[in-house]
Amino acid sequence: MSKELKPCPFCGCHDRRVSVRKMGSEGYRIICGKCGCAGPYVKIKEFPNKMDAQGKAKETWNRRVKIEIVKGGGVDAKTDS
């Protein structure tokens, strides 16, 4: 599972500084080395193997919320994978 990572949602960094980082021996998260933004922590023990855990970390990093202003001034948030 080698999904390409989307750029950092805060600083826009899209080079090798945005990468999967092992957090001790128990999990992974995606971290932007430029601004320090970090994706959700993914525990290895919740998956059959570490590659699946890394894949989930990438999937959650790549998930984006799309905010739209709707008629009448309200806000509608939708997840965009």
N, C-alpha and C. Protein backbone atom coordinates (compact mmCIF):
# COMPACT_ATOMS: atom_id res chain seq x y z
N MET A 1 0.85 -1.17 0.00
CA MET A 1 0.00 0.00 0.00
C MET A 1 0.90 1.24 0.00
N SER A 2 1.14 1.84 -1.17
CA SER A 2 2.01 3.01 -1.19
C SER A 2 1.25 4.23 -1.72
N LYS A 3 0.28 4.66 -0.96
CA LYS A 3 -0.46 5.87 -1.32
C LYS A 3 0.46 7.06 -1.24
N GLU A 4 0.33 7.97 -2.20
CA GLU A 4 1.10 9.19 -2.14
C GLU A 4 0.45 10.13 -1.13
N LEU A 5 1.28 10.82 -0.37
CA LEU A 5 0.76 11.73 0.64
C LEU A 5 0.42 13.09 0.03
N LYS A 6 -0.71 13.64 0.48
CA LYS A 6 -1.08 15.00 0.07
C LYS A 6 -0.19 16.00 0.81
N PRO A 7 -0.06 17.21 0.26
CA PRO A 7 0.72 18.24 0.95
C PRO A 7 0.15 18.55 2.33
N CYS A 8 0.96 19.15 3.16
CA CYS A 8 0.52 19.56 4.49
C CYS A 8 -0.65 20.54 4.36
N PRO A 9 -1.73 20.32 5.11
CA PRO A 9 -2.89 21.20 4.99
C PRO A 9 -2.66 22.60 5.58
N PHE A 10 -1.59 22.78 6.33
CA PHE A 10 -1.33 24.08 6.96
C PHE A 10 -0.29 24.91 6.24
N CYS A 11 0.86 24.29 5.91
CA CYS A 11 1.92 25.08 5.26
C CYS A 11 2.09 24.76 3.78
N GLY A 12 1.45 23.69 3.31
CA GLY A 12 1.52 23.34 1.88
C GLY A 12 2.75 22.55 1.49
N CYS A 13 3.61 22.22 2.45
CA CYS A 13 4.82 21.45 2.15
C CYS A 13 4.43 20.13 1.48
N HIS A 14 5.13 19.79 0.41
CA HIS A 14 4.80 18.56 -0.30
C HIS A 14 6.03 17.74 -0.66
N ASP A 15 7.15 18.01 -0.01
CA ASP A 15 8.35 17.25 -0.30
C ASP A 15 8.56 16.13 0.72
N ARG A 16 9.75 15.63 0.80
CA ARG A 16 10.03 14.47 1.67
C ARG A 16 9.89 14.77 3.15
N ARG A 17 9.73 16.02 3.53
CA ARG A 17 9.56 16.36 4.94
C ARG A 17 8.18 15.93 5.47
N VAL A 18 7.23 15.66 4.57
CA VAL A 18 5.92 15.13 4.97
C VAL A 18 6.05 13.62 4.83
N SER A 19 6.11 12.91 5.96
CA SER A 19 6.40 11.48 5.89
C SER A 19 5.80 10.70 7.07
N VAL A 20 5.79 9.38 6.90
CA VAL A 20 5.33 8.47 7.96
C VAL A 20 6.42 8.41 9.02
N ARG A 21 6.04 8.60 10.26
CA ARG A 21 7.00 8.51 11.37
C ARG A 21 6.53 7.45 12.34
N LYS A 22 7.45 6.61 12.75
CA LYS A 22 7.15 5.60 13.76
C LYS A 22 7.23 6.27 15.12
N MET A 23 6.21 6.08 15.92
CA MET A 23 6.13 6.69 17.24
C MET A 23 6.40 5.60 18.27
N GLY A 24 7.65 5.48 18.68
CA GLY A 24 8.03 4.40 19.59
C GLY A 24 7.90 3.07 18.86
N SER A 25 7.43 2.07 19.55
CA SER A 25 7.25 0.76 18.91
C SER A 25 5.78 0.41 18.74
N GLU A 26 4.91 1.37 18.99
CA GLU A 26 3.49 1.04 19.03
C GLU A 26 2.60 1.70 18.00
N GLY A 27 3.13 2.65 17.21
CA GLY A 27 2.24 3.29 16.26
C GLY A 27 2.93 4.19 15.27
N TYR A 28 2.11 4.79 14.40
CA TYR A 28 2.59 5.68 13.35
C TYR A 28 1.73 6.93 13.28
N ARG A 29 2.31 7.97 12.71
CA ARG A 29 1.55 9.15 12.33
C ARG A 29 2.33 9.84 11.22
N ILE A 30 1.64 10.65 10.45
CA ILE A 30 2.28 11.45 9.42
C ILE A 30 2.62 12.80 10.05
N ILE A 31 3.84 13.26 9.82
CA ILE A 31 4.28 14.53 10.39
C ILE A 31 4.92 15.38 9.29
N CYS A 32 4.60 16.66 9.31
CA CYS A 32 5.24 17.62 8.42
C CYS A 32 6.47 18.15 9.14
N GLY A 33 7.64 17.89 8.58
CA GLY A 33 8.88 18.34 9.18
C GLY A 33 9.12 19.84 9.04
N LYS A 34 8.33 20.49 8.20
CA LYS A 34 8.50 21.93 8.01
C LYS A 34 7.78 22.72 9.11
N CYS A 35 6.49 22.42 9.34
CA CYS A 35 5.72 23.21 10.31
C CYS A 35 5.36 22.43 11.58
N GLY A 36 5.57 21.10 11.57
CA GLY A 36 5.29 20.31 12.77
C GLY A 36 3.87 19.75 12.84
N CYS A 37 3.05 20.02 11.85
CA CYS A 37 1.69 19.48 11.83
C CYS A 37 1.76 17.95 11.86
N ALA A 38 0.87 17.33 12.63
CA ALA A 38 0.86 15.87 12.75
C ALA A 38 -0.54 15.32 12.53
N GLY A 39 -0.61 14.21 11.83
CA GLY A 39 -1.87 13.53 11.63
C GLY A 39 -2.21 12.69 12.85
N PRO A 40 -3.36 12.04 12.84
CA PRO A 40 -3.78 11.20 13.97
C PRO A 40 -2.82 10.04 14.22
N TYR A 41 -2.71 9.65 15.48
CA TYR A 41 -1.88 8.52 15.89
C TYR A 41 -2.62 7.23 15.54
N VAL A 42 -1.91 6.30 14.89
CA VAL A 42 -2.49 5.01 14.51
C VAL A 42 -1.72 3.91 15.23
N LYS A 43 -2.44 3.13 16.04
CA LYS A 43 -1.81 2.04 16.81
C LYS A 43 -1.61 0.81 15.95
N ILE A 44 -0.40 0.26 15.97
CA ILE A 44 -0.08 -0.93 15.18
C ILE A 44 -0.93 -2.12 15.61
N LYS A 45 -1.17 -2.27 16.91
CA LYS A 45 -1.88 -3.46 17.42
C LYS A 45 -3.33 -3.54 16.93
N GLU A 46 -3.86 -2.47 16.37
CA GLU A 46 -5.23 -2.49 15.86
C GLU A 46 -5.32 -2.99 14.41
N PHE A 47 -4.17 -3.41 13.84
CA PHE A 47 -4.12 -3.87 12.46
C PHE A 47 -3.38 -5.19 12.37
N PRO A 48 -3.65 -5.98 11.31
CA PRO A 48 -2.98 -7.28 11.16
C PRO A 48 -1.46 -7.17 11.04
N ASN A 49 -0.96 -6.07 10.48
CA ASN A 49 0.48 -5.88 10.34
C ASN A 49 0.82 -4.40 10.28
N LYS A 50 2.10 -4.09 10.39
CA LYS A 50 2.52 -2.69 10.45
C LYS A 50 2.29 -1.94 9.15
N MET A 51 2.31 -2.63 8.02
CA MET A 51 2.07 -1.96 6.75
C MET A 51 0.63 -1.46 6.66
N ASP A 52 -0.31 -2.22 7.20
CA ASP A 52 -1.71 -1.77 7.23
C ASP A 52 -1.86 -0.55 8.14
N ALA A 53 -1.13 -0.52 9.25
CA ALA A 53 -1.16 0.63 10.15
C ALA A 53 -0.60 1.87 9.45
N GLN A 54 0.49 1.70 8.71
CA GLN A 54 1.06 2.82 7.95
C GLN A 54 0.07 3.31 6.89
N GLY A 55 -0.60 2.37 6.25
CA GLY A 55 -1.60 2.73 5.24
C GLY A 55 -2.74 3.55 5.83
N LYS A 56 -3.17 3.17 7.04
CA LYS A 56 -4.24 3.92 7.71
C LYS A 56 -3.75 5.32 8.09
N ALA A 57 -2.50 5.44 8.52
CA ALA A 57 -1.95 6.75 8.85
C ALA A 57 -1.95 7.65 7.61
N LYS A 58 -1.58 7.08 6.46
CA LYS A 58 -1.59 7.84 5.21
C LYS A 58 -3.01 8.24 4.82
N GLU A 59 -3.93 7.28 4.96
CA GLU A 59 -5.33 7.54 4.61
C GLU A 59 -5.92 8.67 5.46
N THR A 60 -5.64 8.68 6.75
CA THR A 60 -6.19 9.72 7.61
C THR A 60 -5.53 11.08 7.33
N TRP A 61 -4.23 11.08 7.01
CA TRP A 61 -3.56 12.34 6.64
C TRP A 61 -4.17 12.92 5.36
N ASN A 62 -4.46 12.06 4.41
CA ASN A 62 -4.96 12.51 3.11
C ASN A 62 -6.42 12.96 3.15
N ARG A 63 -7.13 12.60 4.21
CA ARG A 63 -8.53 13.00 4.32
C ARG A 63 -8.59 14.50 4.59
N ARG A 64 -9.45 15.18 3.87
CA ARG A 64 -9.60 16.62 4.04
C ARG A 64 -11.08 16.94 4.25
N VAL A 65 -11.33 18.00 4.98
CA VAL A 65 -12.70 18.46 5.18
C VAL A 65 -12.91 19.66 4.28
N LYS A 66 -13.96 19.58 3.49
CA LYS A 66 -14.28 20.66 2.57
C LYS A 66 -15.37 21.51 3.21
N ILE A 67 -15.10 22.77 3.42
CA ILE A 67 -16.05 23.69 4.04
C ILE A 67 -16.68 24.54 2.95
N GLU A 68 -17.98 24.58 2.95
CA GLU A 68 -18.69 25.41 1.98
C GLU A 68 -19.66 26.31 2.72
N ILE A 69 -19.73 27.56 2.28
CA ILE A 69 -20.71 28.49 2.82
C ILE A 69 -22.00 28.27 2.03
N VAL A 70 -23.07 28.00 2.74
CA VAL A 70 -24.35 27.73 2.08
C VAL A 70 -25.24 28.96 2.14
N LYS A 71 -26.21 29.00 1.27
CA LYS A 71 -27.13 30.13 1.23
C LYS A 71 -27.73 30.38 2.61
N GLY A 72 -27.77 31.60 3.02
CA GLY A 72 -28.27 31.95 4.35
C GLY A 72 -27.15 32.09 5.38
N GLY A 73 -25.90 31.88 4.96
CA GLY A 73 -24.77 32.10 5.86
C GLY A 73 -24.35 30.90 6.68
N GLY A 74 -24.95 29.74 6.46
CA GLY A 74 -24.55 28.55 7.21
C GLY A 74 -23.29 27.93 6.65
N VAL A 75 -22.79 26.92 7.33
CA VAL A 75 -21.58 26.22 6.90
C VAL A 75 -21.92 24.75 6.76
N ASP A 76 -21.41 24.14 5.68
CA ASP A 76 -21.61 22.72 5.44
C ASP A 76 -20.22 22.09 5.30
N ALA A 77 -19.88 21.14 6.16
CA ALA A 77 -18.57 20.48 6.11
C ALA A 77 -18.73 19.07 5.57
N LYS A 78 -17.93 18.74 4.57
CA LYS A 78 -17.96 17.41 3.97
C LYS A 78 -16.55 16.86 3.91
N THR A 79 -16.42 15.57 4.18
CA THR A 79 -15.09 14.94 4.09
C THR A 79 -14.77 14.67 2.64
N ASP A 80 -13.55 15.06 2.25
CA ASP A 80 -13.06 14.84 0.90
C ASP A 80 -11.82 13.97 0.98
N SER A 81 -11.88 12.76 0.47
CA SER A 81 -10.72 11.84 0.57
C SER A 81 -9.69 12.14 -0.46
